[in-house]
Amino acid sequence: MDRSESWEQFLLGTDPQLRFGRSILRHIPSSPRCKLCLAPFAGIGRPLMRLIDKSPWDRNPRVCRYCAKWLHKKGPGGADVPAALVFADVRGSTALAERMTPQAYAELIGRFFERASYHYVQRGGIIDQLVGDEAIGLFLPAYAGPDYVNMAVEAATTILRVTGHAEDPWITIGVGVHVGQTFIGSVGAGESFTDFTAIGDTVNTAARLASAARTGEVLLSRDVFERVVGRNLDLESRSIEMKGKSLPLESFVIEPDSYSSVLSSGT
């Protein structure tokens, strides 16, 4: 098998070793977890994971040592695959950091990352990045299932609900969701390998949707809205100007008063 085929097998979820591992490890507490195999880095599962070399990798604590070695063997590369991206973005993080002690701010952001990570993983998502004030979830049909777009929307809506946006939020965020063909592959090469991630227009569009969302909103691209099956949703539409694009991006708004209807109508 050549390198491109190996990456495609990994990303399409036909690699039997990874798929079997995720199906078992997702049920062992607790977060944080390896973004690939879902090995728990804390809680009752931690001692066992350390015995089988699934402790956090020193170059990237979001990936376990075992998976890092596994990706090293694949070598640099990647593949174009269908994916849904969820960007959950904290509002006013600079002002928050100014008003709080560094420790209190770190604890608040850590709490947000923990909640977002949990709900991404519960719906089969991969924690693509937890950086600055953003939690980015990556949903591939291989891991989240054929309803991967639904899973992305449910994760986005649930994150807003559990952060209190239906009533009184303990942290203010906005979320964007987009779907499309996405290049997913390695960052770095050989000994300088550090991670794998998604890049390209799908990622940029999801990020722009999150940036344009108002506090407590999920903005869905039209591509997501049209592919969310099994729901009869009457959502407000909104046009968003995107730098470098001649036409505005059409989006659909999920507001706090529609969280419950979106979740209850999921398939």
Protein backbone atom coordinates (compact mmCIF):
# COMPACT_ATOMS: atom_id res chain seq x y z
CA MET A 1 0.00 0.00 0.00
CA ASP A 2 1.44 3.41 -0.96
CA ARG A 3 1.40 6.44 1.34
CA SER A 4 -1.66 8.13 -0.19
CA GLU A 5 -3.68 4.92 0.10
CA SER A 6 -2.61 4.57 3.71
CA TRP A 7 -3.83 8.10 4.54
CA GLU A 8 -7.08 7.55 2.67
CA GLN A 9 -7.69 4.34 4.63
CA PHE A 10 -7.04 6.18 7.88
CA LEU A 11 -9.30 9.13 7.02
CA LEU A 12 -12.13 7.04 5.58
CA GLY A 13 -12.15 4.91 8.72
CA THR A 14 -11.32 1.63 7.05
CA ASP A 15 -8.18 1.18 9.15
CA PRO A 16 -9.46 -1.66 11.38
CA GLN A 17 -7.02 -1.05 14.23
CA LEU A 18 -7.98 2.59 14.78
CA ARG A 19 -11.69 1.97 14.31
CA PHE A 20 -11.75 -0.87 16.82
CA GLY A 21 -9.69 1.12 19.32
CA ARG A 22 -12.02 4.13 19.21
CA SER A 23 -15.09 1.93 19.69
CA ILE A 24 -13.63 0.62 22.97
CA LEU A 25 -11.73 3.62 24.37
CA ARG A 26 -14.58 6.14 24.00
CA HIS A 27 -16.38 4.36 26.85
CA ILE A 28 -13.49 4.62 29.34
CA PRO A 29 -13.47 7.84 31.45
CA SER A 30 -12.28 10.57 31.15
CA SER A 31 -11.31 13.72 29.24
CA PRO A 32 -8.92 15.04 28.05
CA ARG A 33 -8.42 12.37 25.39
CA CYS A 34 -6.22 11.53 22.43
CA LYS A 35 -7.82 13.26 19.45
CA LEU A 36 -7.34 10.15 17.30
CA CYS A 37 -7.95 6.98 19.31
CA LEU A 38 -9.88 8.63 22.21
CA ALA A 39 -7.56 7.14 24.85
CA PRO A 40 -8.35 8.90 28.16
CA PHE A 41 -5.52 10.92 29.68
CA ALA A 42 -7.22 11.31 33.08
CA GLY A 43 -9.54 9.48 35.45
CA ILE A 44 -9.63 5.74 36.07
CA GLY A 45 -8.38 4.91 32.57
CA ARG A 46 -5.13 6.87 32.89
CA PRO A 47 -2.95 4.20 34.61
CA LEU A 48 -3.89 1.55 32.05
CA MET A 49 -3.28 3.90 29.11
CA ARG A 50 0.21 4.71 30.40
CA LEU A 51 1.02 0.99 30.49
CA ILE A 52 0.17 0.62 26.78
CA ASP A 53 2.02 3.80 25.69
CA LYS A 54 -1.13 5.87 25.33
CA SER A 55 -0.04 8.75 27.57
CA PRO A 56 0.13 12.29 26.07
CA TRP A 57 2.88 12.78 23.51
CA ASP A 58 5.46 15.33 24.64
CA ARG A 59 5.26 17.27 21.35
CA ASN A 60 1.48 17.45 21.30
CA PRO A 61 -0.48 16.57 24.46
CA ARG A 62 -3.69 16.14 22.40
CA VAL A 63 -2.23 13.01 20.75
CA CYS A 64 -1.09 9.88 22.59
CA ARG A 65 2.43 8.53 22.11
CA TYR A 66 1.12 5.37 20.42
CA CYS A 67 -0.87 7.30 17.77
CA ALA A 68 2.06 9.69 17.20
CA LYS A 69 4.29 6.72 16.35
CA TRP A 70 1.54 5.30 14.14
CA LEU A 71 1.22 8.54 12.16
CA HIS A 72 5.01 8.79 11.90
CA LYS A 73 4.97 5.45 10.09
CA LYS A 74 2.45 6.77 7.57
CA GLY A 75 4.79 9.62 6.73
CA PRO A 76 3.78 13.09 5.47
CA GLY A 77 0.64 13.23 3.38
CA GLY A 78 -3.12 13.39 3.50
CA ALA A 79 -6.25 13.11 1.38
CA ASP A 80 -9.34 15.03 0.27
CA VAL A 81 -12.36 13.67 2.16
CA PRO A 82 -15.84 14.95 3.05
CA ALA A 83 -15.88 16.63 6.47
CA ALA A 84 -18.00 18.90 8.64
CA LEU A 85 -16.19 21.56 10.69
CA VAL A 86 -17.50 23.14 13.90
CA PHE A 87 -15.85 26.31 15.19
CA ALA A 88 -16.91 27.37 18.71
CA ASP A 89 -15.48 30.82 19.42
CA VAL A 90 -15.42 32.67 22.77
CA ARG A 91 -16.71 36.23 22.57
CA GLY A 92 -14.78 39.08 24.18
CA SER A 93 -11.91 36.88 25.35
CA THR A 94 -9.45 39.81 25.45
CA ALA A 95 -11.74 41.82 27.73
CA LEU A 96 -12.36 38.71 29.84
CA ALA A 97 -8.64 38.13 30.32
CA GLU A 98 -8.20 41.79 31.31
CA ARG A 99 -10.85 41.59 34.02
CA MET A 100 -9.76 38.24 35.50
CA THR A 101 -6.63 36.88 37.10
CA PRO A 102 -4.58 34.65 34.77
CA GLN A 103 -5.50 31.59 36.83
CA ALA A 104 -9.22 32.38 36.84
CA TYR A 105 -9.18 33.01 33.08
CA ALA A 106 -7.30 29.77 32.43
CA GLU A 107 -9.82 27.85 34.53
CA LEU A 108 -12.75 29.41 32.64
CA ILE A 109 -11.28 28.64 29.20
CA GLY A 110 -10.31 25.17 30.41
CA ARG A 111 -13.89 24.52 31.50
CA PHE A 112 -15.13 25.62 28.07
CA PHE A 113 -12.60 23.40 26.27
CA GLU A 114 -13.60 20.44 28.44
CA ARG A 115 -17.32 20.85 27.66
CA ALA A 116 -16.72 21.36 23.93
CA SER A 117 -14.34 18.40 23.72
CA TYR A 118 -16.78 16.12 25.51
CA HIS A 119 -19.66 16.91 23.15
CA TYR A 120 -17.48 16.64 20.03
CA VAL A 121 -16.25 13.20 21.10
CA GLN A 122 -19.70 11.98 22.19
CA ARG A 123 -20.94 12.49 18.63
CA GLY A 124 -17.96 10.85 16.95
CA GLY A 125 -16.02 14.03 16.26
CA ILE A 126 -12.28 14.57 16.41
CA ILE A 127 -10.96 17.45 18.49
CA ASP A 128 -9.07 19.21 15.72
CA GLN A 129 -7.74 22.12 17.78
CA LEU A 130 -8.16 23.72 21.19
CA VAL A 131 -6.30 26.96 20.77
CA GLY A 132 -6.60 30.48 22.14
CA ASP A 133 -10.32 30.97 22.55
CA GLU A 134 -11.56 28.46 19.94
CA ALA A 135 -12.56 24.81 20.13
CA ILE A 136 -12.62 23.21 16.67
CA GLY A 137 -14.35 19.91 16.00
CA LEU A 138 -13.83 17.77 12.90
CA PHE A 139 -16.59 15.33 11.87
CA LEU A 140 -15.73 12.65 9.32
CA PRO A 141 -18.29 10.12 8.06
CA ALA A 142 -15.82 7.36 8.91
CA TYR A 143 -15.94 8.15 12.63
CA ALA A 144 -19.14 10.13 13.20
CA GLY A 145 -21.20 7.90 10.87
CA PRO A 146 -23.33 8.65 7.79
CA ASP A 147 -25.18 11.35 9.77
CA TYR A 148 -21.92 13.17 10.41
CA VAL A 149 -23.40 16.54 9.42
CA ASN A 150 -26.28 16.03 11.86
CA MET A 151 -23.74 15.09 14.53
CA ALA A 152 -21.81 18.31 13.91
CA VAL A 153 -24.96 20.45 14.20
CA GLU A 154 -26.06 18.64 17.36
CA ALA A 155 -22.63 19.12 18.92
CA ALA A 156 -22.66 22.84 18.06
CA THR A 157 -26.13 23.38 19.50
CA THR A 158 -25.42 21.32 22.61
CA ILE A 159 -22.24 23.26 23.38
CA LEU A 160 -24.25 26.49 23.42
CA ARG A 161 -26.93 24.91 25.59
CA VAL A 162 -24.48 23.53 28.19
CA THR A 163 -22.69 26.87 28.41
CA GLY A 164 -26.02 28.39 29.44
CA HIS A 165 -26.99 30.39 26.38
CA ALA A 166 -30.64 29.41 26.61
CA GLU A 167 -30.73 31.39 29.88
CA ASP A 168 -27.65 32.95 31.51
CA PRO A 169 -24.32 31.91 29.92
CA TRP A 170 -21.26 31.39 32.11
CA ILE A 171 -19.13 32.09 29.03
CA THR A 172 -20.31 33.76 25.82
CA ILE A 173 -19.65 32.04 22.50
CA GLY A 174 -20.80 31.88 18.88
CA VAL A 175 -20.52 28.84 16.60
CA GLY A 176 -20.17 28.19 12.87
CA VAL A 177 -20.72 24.90 10.98
CA HIS A 178 -19.75 24.14 7.37
CA VAL A 179 -19.31 20.96 5.31
CA GLY A 180 -17.41 20.09 2.15
CA GLN A 181 -14.42 18.30 0.63
CA THR A 182 -11.48 19.02 2.89
CA PHE A 183 -7.79 18.23 2.72
CA ILE A 184 -6.81 16.49 5.94
CA GLY A 185 -3.23 15.52 6.51
CA SER A 186 -0.01 15.88 8.44
CA VAL A 187 1.55 19.04 9.78
CA GLY A 188 5.31 18.76 9.55
CA ALA A 189 7.19 15.75 8.26
CA GLY A 190 9.42 13.01 9.55
CA GLU A 191 10.92 13.86 12.91
CA SER A 192 9.34 17.34 12.81
CA PHE A 193 5.81 15.89 12.56
CA THR A 194 3.55 17.58 15.14
CA ASP A 195 -0.09 16.86 14.29
CA PHE A 196 -2.65 16.24 11.61
CA THR A 197 -5.32 18.78 10.80
CA ALA A 198 -7.80 20.07 8.20
CA ILE A 199 -6.96 22.90 5.82
CA GLY A 200 -8.63 24.67 2.91
CA ASP A 201 -11.76 26.57 1.97
CA THR A 202 -14.14 24.45 4.07
CA VAL A 203 -12.13 25.28 7.19
CA ASN A 204 -11.91 28.99 6.34
CA THR A 205 -15.66 29.18 5.73
CA ALA A 206 -16.49 27.51 9.05
CA ALA A 207 -14.18 29.95 10.83
CA ARG A 208 -15.85 32.91 9.10
CA LEU A 209 -19.30 31.66 10.12
CA ALA A 210 -18.18 31.41 13.75
CA SER A 211 -16.75 34.91 13.61
CA ALA A 212 -20.00 36.30 12.18
CA ALA A 213 -22.27 34.47 14.65
CA ARG A 214 -23.71 36.62 17.40
CA THR A 215 -23.46 35.54 21.01
CA GLY A 216 -25.51 32.39 21.55
CA GLU A 217 -26.02 31.65 17.84
CA VAL A 218 -25.06 28.76 15.58
CA LEU A 219 -24.61 29.80 11.95
CA LEU A 220 -25.04 27.00 9.40
CA SER A 221 -23.87 27.33 5.83
CA ARG A 222 -26.43 26.50 3.14
CA ASP A 223 -24.48 23.31 2.41
CA VAL A 224 -25.04 22.21 6.02
CA PHE A 225 -28.67 23.34 6.15
CA GLU A 226 -29.55 21.38 3.00
CA ARG A 227 -27.82 18.22 4.26
CA VAL A 228 -29.28 18.15 7.75
CA VAL A 229 -31.86 15.44 7.16
CA GLY A 230 -34.89 14.52 9.24
CA ARG A 231 -35.57 18.02 10.51
CA ASN A 232 -38.27 20.50 9.61
CA LEU A 233 -36.49 23.69 10.59
CA ASP A 234 -37.72 27.20 9.82
CA LEU A 235 -34.57 29.25 10.36
CA GLU A 236 -33.73 32.88 9.65
CA SER A 237 -31.31 33.31 6.74
CA ARG A 238 -28.45 35.80 6.81
CA SER A 239 -25.91 36.86 4.16
CA ILE A 240 -22.28 37.19 5.17
CA GLU A 241 -19.62 38.99 3.17
CA MET A 242 -16.42 36.96 2.85
CA LYS A 243 -13.08 38.50 2.00
CA GLY A 244 -11.78 37.26 -1.35
CA LYS A 245 -15.19 35.94 -2.51
CA SER A 246 -17.37 37.74 -5.04
CA LEU A 247 -20.68 36.46 -3.66
CA PRO A 248 -21.89 36.65 -0.05
CA LEU A 249 -22.19 33.46 1.95
CA GLU A 250 -25.75 32.46 2.79
CA SER A 251 -26.17 31.18 6.33
CA PHE A 252 -29.00 29.99 8.56
CA VAL A 253 -29.34 30.97 12.20
CA ILE A 254 -30.05 28.68 15.14
CA GLU A 255 -30.95 30.94 18.09
CA PRO A 256 -31.33 30.09 21.80
CA ASP A 257 -35.11 29.68 21.56
CA SER A 258 -34.67 27.00 18.87
CA TYR A 259 -31.96 24.88 20.60
CA SER A 260 -34.44 22.39 22.01
CA SER A 261 -36.35 21.95 18.73
CA VAL A 262 -33.12 21.31 16.84
CA LEU A 263 -31.96 18.69 19.36
CA SER A 264 -35.33 16.98 19.64
CA SER A 265 -35.72 16.70 15.86
CA GLY A 266 -32.33 15.04 15.28
CA THR A 267 -32.20 11.66 13.63
